[in-house]
C-alpha atoms as a PDB file:
ATOM      1  CA  MET A   1     -32.645  12.788   3.855  1.00  0.00           C
ATOM      2  CA  PRO A   2     -30.145  12.464   0.798  1.00  0.00           C
ATOM      3  CA  SER A   3     -26.689  11.320   1.539  1.00  0.00           C
ATOM      4  CA  PHE A   4     -23.485   9.824   0.315  1.00  0.00           C
ATOM      5  CA  ASP A   5     -20.201   8.557   1.772  1.00  0.00           C
ATOM      6  CA  ILE A   6     -16.824   9.454   0.779  1.00  0.00           C
ATOM      7  CA  VAL A   7     -14.398   6.431   0.901  1.00  0.00           C
ATOM      8  CA  CYS A   8     -10.814   5.648  -0.412  1.00  0.00           C
ATOM      9  CA  GLU A   9     -11.167   1.939  -1.460  1.00  0.00           C
ATOM     10  CA  VAL A  10      -9.550   0.017  -4.327  1.00  0.00           C
ATOM     11  CA  ASP A  11     -11.204  -3.013  -6.266  1.00  0.00           C
ATOM     12  CA  LEU A  12      -8.711  -5.706  -5.569  1.00  0.00           C
ATOM     13  CA  GLN A  13     -10.018  -7.890  -8.471  1.00  0.00           C
ATOM     14  CA  GLU A  14      -8.868  -4.995 -11.006  1.00  0.00           C
ATOM     15  CA  VAL A  15      -5.510  -4.767  -9.029  1.00  0.00           C
ATOM     16  CA  ASP A  16      -5.032  -8.471  -9.560  1.00  0.00           C
ATOM     17  CA  ASN A  17      -5.904  -8.368 -13.302  1.00  0.00           C
ATOM     18  CA  ALA A  18      -3.452  -5.402 -13.749  1.00  0.00           C
ATOM     19  CA  VAL A  19      -0.458  -7.054 -11.853  1.00  0.00           C
ATOM     20  CA  ASN A  20      -1.200 -10.343 -14.194  1.00  0.00           C
ATOM     21  CA  GLN A  21      -0.984  -8.144 -17.348  1.00  0.00           C
ATOM     22  CA  VAL A  22       2.293  -6.797 -16.124  1.00  0.00           C
ATOM     23  CA  ALA A  23       3.599 -10.302 -15.266  1.00  0.00           C
ATOM     24  CA  LYS A  24       2.592 -11.303 -18.935  1.00  0.00           C
ATOM     25  CA  GLU A  25       4.401  -8.341 -20.389  1.00  0.00           C
ATOM     26  CA  MET A  26       7.399  -9.062 -18.324  1.00  0.00           C
ATOM     27  CA  VAL A  27       7.659 -12.602 -19.889  1.00  0.00           C
ATOM     28  CA  THR A  28       7.488 -11.245 -23.547  1.00  0.00           C
ATOM     29  CA  ARG A  29       9.646  -8.280 -23.350  1.00  0.00           C
ATOM     30  CA  PHE A  30      13.118  -8.331 -24.560  1.00  0.00           C
ATOM     31  CA  ASP A  31      14.704  -6.363 -21.856  1.00  0.00           C
ATOM     32  CA  PHE A  32      13.217  -8.658 -19.162  1.00  0.00           C
ATOM     33  CA  ARG A  33      14.486 -11.827 -20.644  1.00  0.00           C
ATOM     34  CA  GLY A  34      16.957 -14.042 -18.846  1.00  0.00           C
ATOM     35  CA  GLY A  35      16.483 -11.932 -15.619  1.00  0.00           C
ATOM     36  CA  LYS A  36      15.059 -12.748 -12.220  1.00  0.00           C
ATOM     37  CA  SER A  37      12.312  -9.953 -12.256  1.00  0.00           C
ATOM     38  CA  SER A  38       8.954 -10.699 -11.000  1.00  0.00           C
ATOM     39  CA  ILE A  39       5.500  -9.011  -9.582  1.00  0.00           C
ATOM     40  CA  ASP A  40       3.324 -10.773  -7.238  1.00  0.00           C
ATOM     41  CA  PHE A  41       0.046  -9.588  -5.630  1.00  0.00           C
ATOM     42  CA  ASP A  42      -0.740 -10.330  -2.189  1.00  0.00           C
ATOM     43  CA  ARG A  43      -4.750 -10.082  -1.914  1.00  0.00           C
ATOM     44  CA  ASN A  44      -5.027 -10.646   1.571  1.00  0.00           C
ATOM     45  CA  GLY A  45      -2.231  -8.117   2.763  1.00  0.00           C
ATOM     46  CA  LYS A  46      -3.195  -5.822  -0.017  1.00  0.00           C
ATOM     47  CA  MET A  47       0.397  -5.633  -1.025  1.00  0.00           C
ATOM     48  CA  ILE A  48       2.299  -5.802  -4.533  1.00  0.00           C
ATOM     49  CA  LYS A  49       5.616  -7.466  -4.109  1.00  0.00           C
ATOM     50  CA  ILE A  50       8.213  -6.433  -6.779  1.00  0.00           C
ATOM     51  CA  ASN A  51      11.602  -7.883  -7.495  1.00  0.00           C
ATOM     52  CA  ALA A  52      13.937  -6.387  -9.996  1.00  0.00           C
ATOM     53  CA  ASP A  53      17.302  -7.020 -11.447  1.00  0.00           C
ATOM     54  CA  ASP A  54      18.333  -3.442 -11.302  1.00  0.00           C
ATOM     55  CA  GLU A  55      16.992   0.107 -10.756  1.00  0.00           C
ATOM     56  CA  MET A  56      16.043   0.672 -14.524  1.00  0.00           C
ATOM     57  CA  LYS A  57      13.994  -2.323 -14.656  1.00  0.00           C
ATOM     58  CA  LEU A  58      12.318  -1.423 -11.382  1.00  0.00           C
ATOM     59  CA  ARG A  59      11.109   1.924 -12.839  1.00  0.00           C
ATOM     60  CA  SER A  60      10.002  -0.154 -15.939  1.00  0.00           C
ATOM     61  CA  ILE A  61       7.815  -2.372 -13.920  1.00  0.00           C
ATOM     62  CA  HIS A  62       6.521   0.895 -11.839  1.00  0.00           C
ATOM     63  CA  GLN A  63       5.646   2.324 -15.145  1.00  0.00           C
ATOM     64  CA  MET A  64       3.801  -0.906 -16.669  1.00  0.00           C
ATOM     65  CA  LEU A  65       1.877  -1.362 -13.284  1.00  0.00           C
ATOM     66  CA  GLU A  66       0.697   2.442 -13.226  1.00  0.00           C
ATOM     67  CA  THR A  67      -0.220   2.186 -16.927  1.00  0.00           C
ATOM     68  CA  ARG A  68      -2.119  -0.911 -16.427  1.00  0.00           C
ATOM     69  CA  LEU A  69      -4.054   0.471 -13.286  1.00  0.00           C
ATOM     70  CA  ALA A  70      -4.974   3.770 -15.056  1.00  0.00           C
ATOM     71  CA  LYS A  71      -6.449   1.883 -17.969  1.00  0.00           C
ATOM     72  CA  ARG A  72      -8.665  -0.052 -15.232  1.00  0.00           C
ATOM     73  CA  ASP A  73      -9.796   3.335 -13.999  1.00  0.00           C
ATOM     74  CA  ILE A  74      -7.700   2.784 -10.578  1.00  0.00           C
ATOM     75  CA  ASP A  75      -6.011   6.169  -9.346  1.00  0.00           C
ATOM     76  CA  CYS A  76      -2.387   5.479  -9.050  1.00  0.00           C
ATOM     77  CA  ARG A  77      -2.316   7.449  -5.537  1.00  0.00           C
ATOM     78  CA  VAL A  78      -3.531   4.120  -3.883  1.00  0.00           C
ATOM     79  CA  LEU A  79      -0.101   2.845  -4.517  1.00  0.00           C
ATOM     80  CA  GLN A  80       2.362   3.482  -1.699  1.00  0.00           C
ATOM     81  CA  TYR A  81       5.782   2.596  -2.516  1.00  0.00           C
ATOM     82  CA  GLN A  82       8.112   1.325   0.494  1.00  0.00           C
ATOM     83  CA  ASP A  83      11.805   1.686   0.348  1.00  0.00           C
ATOM     84  CA  THR A  84      13.816  -0.470  -2.228  1.00  0.00           C
ATOM     85  CA  GLN A  85      15.799  -3.214  -0.480  1.00  0.00           C
ATOM     86  CA  GLU A  86      18.886  -5.307  -1.564  1.00  0.00           C
ATOM     87  CA  ALA A  87      17.779  -9.084  -1.762  1.00  0.00           C
ATOM     88  CA  SER A  88      19.824 -12.012  -2.396  1.00  0.00           C
ATOM     89  CA  GLY A  89      21.734 -12.509  -5.818  1.00  0.00           C
ATOM     90  CA  LYS A  90      21.732  -8.569  -6.347  1.00  0.00           C
ATOM     91  CA  LEU A  91      18.137  -8.307  -6.805  1.00  0.00           C
ATOM     92  CA  LEU A  92      16.154  -5.188  -5.757  1.00  0.00           C
ATOM     93  CA  LYS A  93      13.028  -5.900  -3.880  1.00  0.00           C
ATOM     94  CA  GLN A  94      10.208  -3.267  -3.146  1.00  0.00           C
ATOM     95  CA  ASN A  95       6.726  -3.929  -1.510  1.00  0.00           C
ATOM     96  CA  VAL A  96       3.843  -1.619  -2.593  1.00  0.00           C
ATOM     97  CA  THR A  97       0.872  -1.294  -0.227  1.00  0.00           C
ATOM     98  CA  LEU A  98      -2.498  -0.231  -1.475  1.00  0.00           C
ATOM     99  CA  ARG A  99      -4.356   2.327   0.290  1.00  0.00           C
ATOM    100  CA  SER A 100      -7.666   1.641   1.902  1.00  0.00           C
ATOM    101  CA  GLY A 101      -9.842   3.714   4.060  1.00  0.00           C
ATOM    102  CA  LEU A 102      -9.347   7.207   5.198  1.00  0.00           C
ATOM    103  CA  ASN A 103      -7.307   8.023   8.467  1.00  0.00           C
ATOM    104  CA  LYS A 104      -8.438  10.693  10.955  1.00  0.00           C
ATOM    105  CA  GLU A 105      -6.302  13.598   9.369  1.00  0.00           C
ATOM    106  CA  GLU A 106      -7.528  12.902   6.176  1.00  0.00           C
ATOM    107  CA  ALA A 107     -11.171  12.716   7.037  1.00  0.00           C
ATOM    108  CA  LYS A 108     -10.784  15.913   9.191  1.00  0.00           C
ATOM    109  CA  LYS A 109      -9.242  17.551   5.954  1.00  0.00           C
ATOM    110  CA  ILE A 110     -12.462  16.605   3.973  1.00  0.00           C
ATOM    111  CA  THR A 111     -14.804  17.710   6.839  1.00  0.00           C
ATOM    112  CA  LYS A 112     -12.999  21.018   6.799  1.00  0.00           C
ATOM    113  CA  TYR A 113     -13.293  21.312   3.117  1.00  0.00           C
ATOM    114  CA  ILE A 114     -16.706  20.634   2.906  1.00  0.00           C
ATOM    115  CA  LYS A 115     -17.676  23.112   5.842  1.00  0.00           C
ATOM    116  CA  ASP A 116     -15.637  25.758   4.088  1.00  0.00           C
ATOM    117  CA  SER A 117     -17.703  25.298   0.884  1.00  0.00           C
ATOM    118  CA  GLY A 118     -20.567  27.208   2.390  1.00  0.00           C
ATOM    119  CA  LEU A 119     -23.210  24.661   1.127  1.00  0.00           C
ATOM    120  CA  LYS A 120     -26.064  23.673   3.483  1.00  0.00           C
ATOM    121  CA  VAL A 121     -24.750  20.124   4.178  1.00  0.00           C
ATOM    122  CA  GLN A 122     -23.538  18.223   7.059  1.00  0.00           C
ATOM    123  CA  SER A 123     -20.415  15.891   7.415  1.00  0.00           C
ATOM    124  CA  GLN A 124     -19.752  13.327   9.902  1.00  0.00           C
ATOM    125  CA  ILE A 125     -16.681  11.128  10.263  1.00  0.00           C
ATOM    126  CA  GLN A 126     -17.612   7.232  10.335  1.00  0.00           C
ATOM    127  CA  ASP A 127     -14.813   4.855  10.955  1.00  0.00           C
ATOM    128  CA  ASN A 128     -12.857   5.167   7.912  1.00  0.00           C
ATOM    129  CA  GLN A 129     -15.093   7.294   5.685  1.00  0.00           C
ATOM    130  CA  VAL A 130     -17.137  10.452   5.662  1.00  0.00           C
ATOM    131  CA  ARG A 131     -21.071  10.540   5.481  1.00  0.00           C
ATOM    132  CA  VAL A 132     -22.333  13.723   3.864  1.00  0.00           C
ATOM    133  CA  THR A 133     -25.930  14.691   4.394  1.00  0.00           C
ATOM    134  CA  GLY A 134     -28.199  17.377   2.967  1.00  0.00           C
ATOM    135  CA  LYS A 135     -31.665  18.515   2.252  1.00  0.00           C
ATOM    136  CA  GLN A 136     -31.221  18.864  -1.704  1.00  0.00           C
ATOM    137  CA  ILE A 137     -29.386  16.285  -3.868  1.00  0.00           C
ATOM    138  CA  ASP A 138     -28.012  19.288  -5.793  1.00  0.00           C
ATOM    139  CA  ASP A 139     -26.074  20.310  -2.937  1.00  0.00           C
ATOM    140  CA  LEU A 140     -24.492  16.956  -2.515  1.00  0.00           C
ATOM    141  CA  GLN A 141     -23.757  16.764  -6.261  1.00  0.00           C
ATOM    142  CA  GLU A 142     -21.938  19.937  -5.925  1.00  0.00           C
ATOM    143  CA  ILE A 143     -19.975  18.897  -2.956  1.00  0.00           C
ATOM    144  CA  ILE A 144     -18.961  15.813  -5.142  1.00  0.00           C
ATOM    145  CA  ALA A 145     -17.912  18.127  -8.129  1.00  0.00           C
ATOM    146  CA  SER A 146     -16.096  20.349  -5.777  1.00  0.00           C
ATOM    147  CA  LEU A 147     -14.008  17.581  -4.093  1.00  0.00           C
ATOM    148  CA  LYS A 148     -13.093  16.226  -7.541  1.00  0.00           C
ATOM    149  CA  ALA A 149     -11.949  19.610  -8.685  1.00  0.00           C
ATOM    150  CA  GLY A 150     -10.402  20.582  -5.303  1.00  0.00           C
ATOM    151  CA  ASP A 151      -7.859  17.571  -5.471  1.00  0.00           C
ATOM    152  CA  LEU A 152      -7.077  17.097  -1.885  1.00  0.00           C
ATOM    153  CA  GLY A 153      -4.286  14.543  -2.976  1.00  0.00           C
ATOM    154  CA  LEU A 154      -6.604  11.556  -2.084  1.00  0.00           C
ATOM    155  CA  PRO A 155      -8.048   8.886  -4.440  1.00  0.00           C
ATOM    156  CA  LEU A 156     -11.630   9.329  -3.395  1.00  0.00           C
ATOM    157  CA  GLN A 157     -14.719   7.495  -4.199  1.00  0.00           C
ATOM    158  CA  TYR A 158     -18.490   8.479  -3.624  1.00  0.00           C
ATOM    159  CA  VAL A 159     -20.602   5.672  -2.745  1.00  0.00           C
ATOM    160  CA  ASN A 160     -24.159   4.832  -1.400  1.00  0.00           C
ATOM    161  CA  MET A 161     -25.928   7.911  -2.903  1.00  0.00           C
ATOM    162  CA  ARG A 162     -29.402   7.843  -1.396  1.00  0.00           C
ATOM    163  CA  ARG A 163     -32.221  10.099  -2.185  1.00  0.00           C
END
């Protein structure tokens, strides 16, 4: 029976590349010269650490990061900005966590959306993903198109399509 999985994952290598590009741009930009602003990616913790001299530079780093991620086909909604903190030397420090997996409420929201679509498909929650099965592959493709158009506020990917 045809099926596919709905997941919320991020390609860590692409995030690493985007962060490295932002770091290189910060070195060459005139407004960052002489400052202590920095950006670093903790791959194991799935976290980006930003240090900025002031609020304006912090917003500039956010903008550069989101632009680089968008160019690499990564949805910027995977970024979860934490509160800004004061660090030593009048630096602003901010951690940005990367979303991975669907929590129970989000998975229930997706299954309800699929059930309300009226198509003859079944959906079930499996850990941090949702598996959708149906007799016809056209119904599954229609569900994917509906979820993309319905914008549930989640950066979703559709993987493991089986015929």
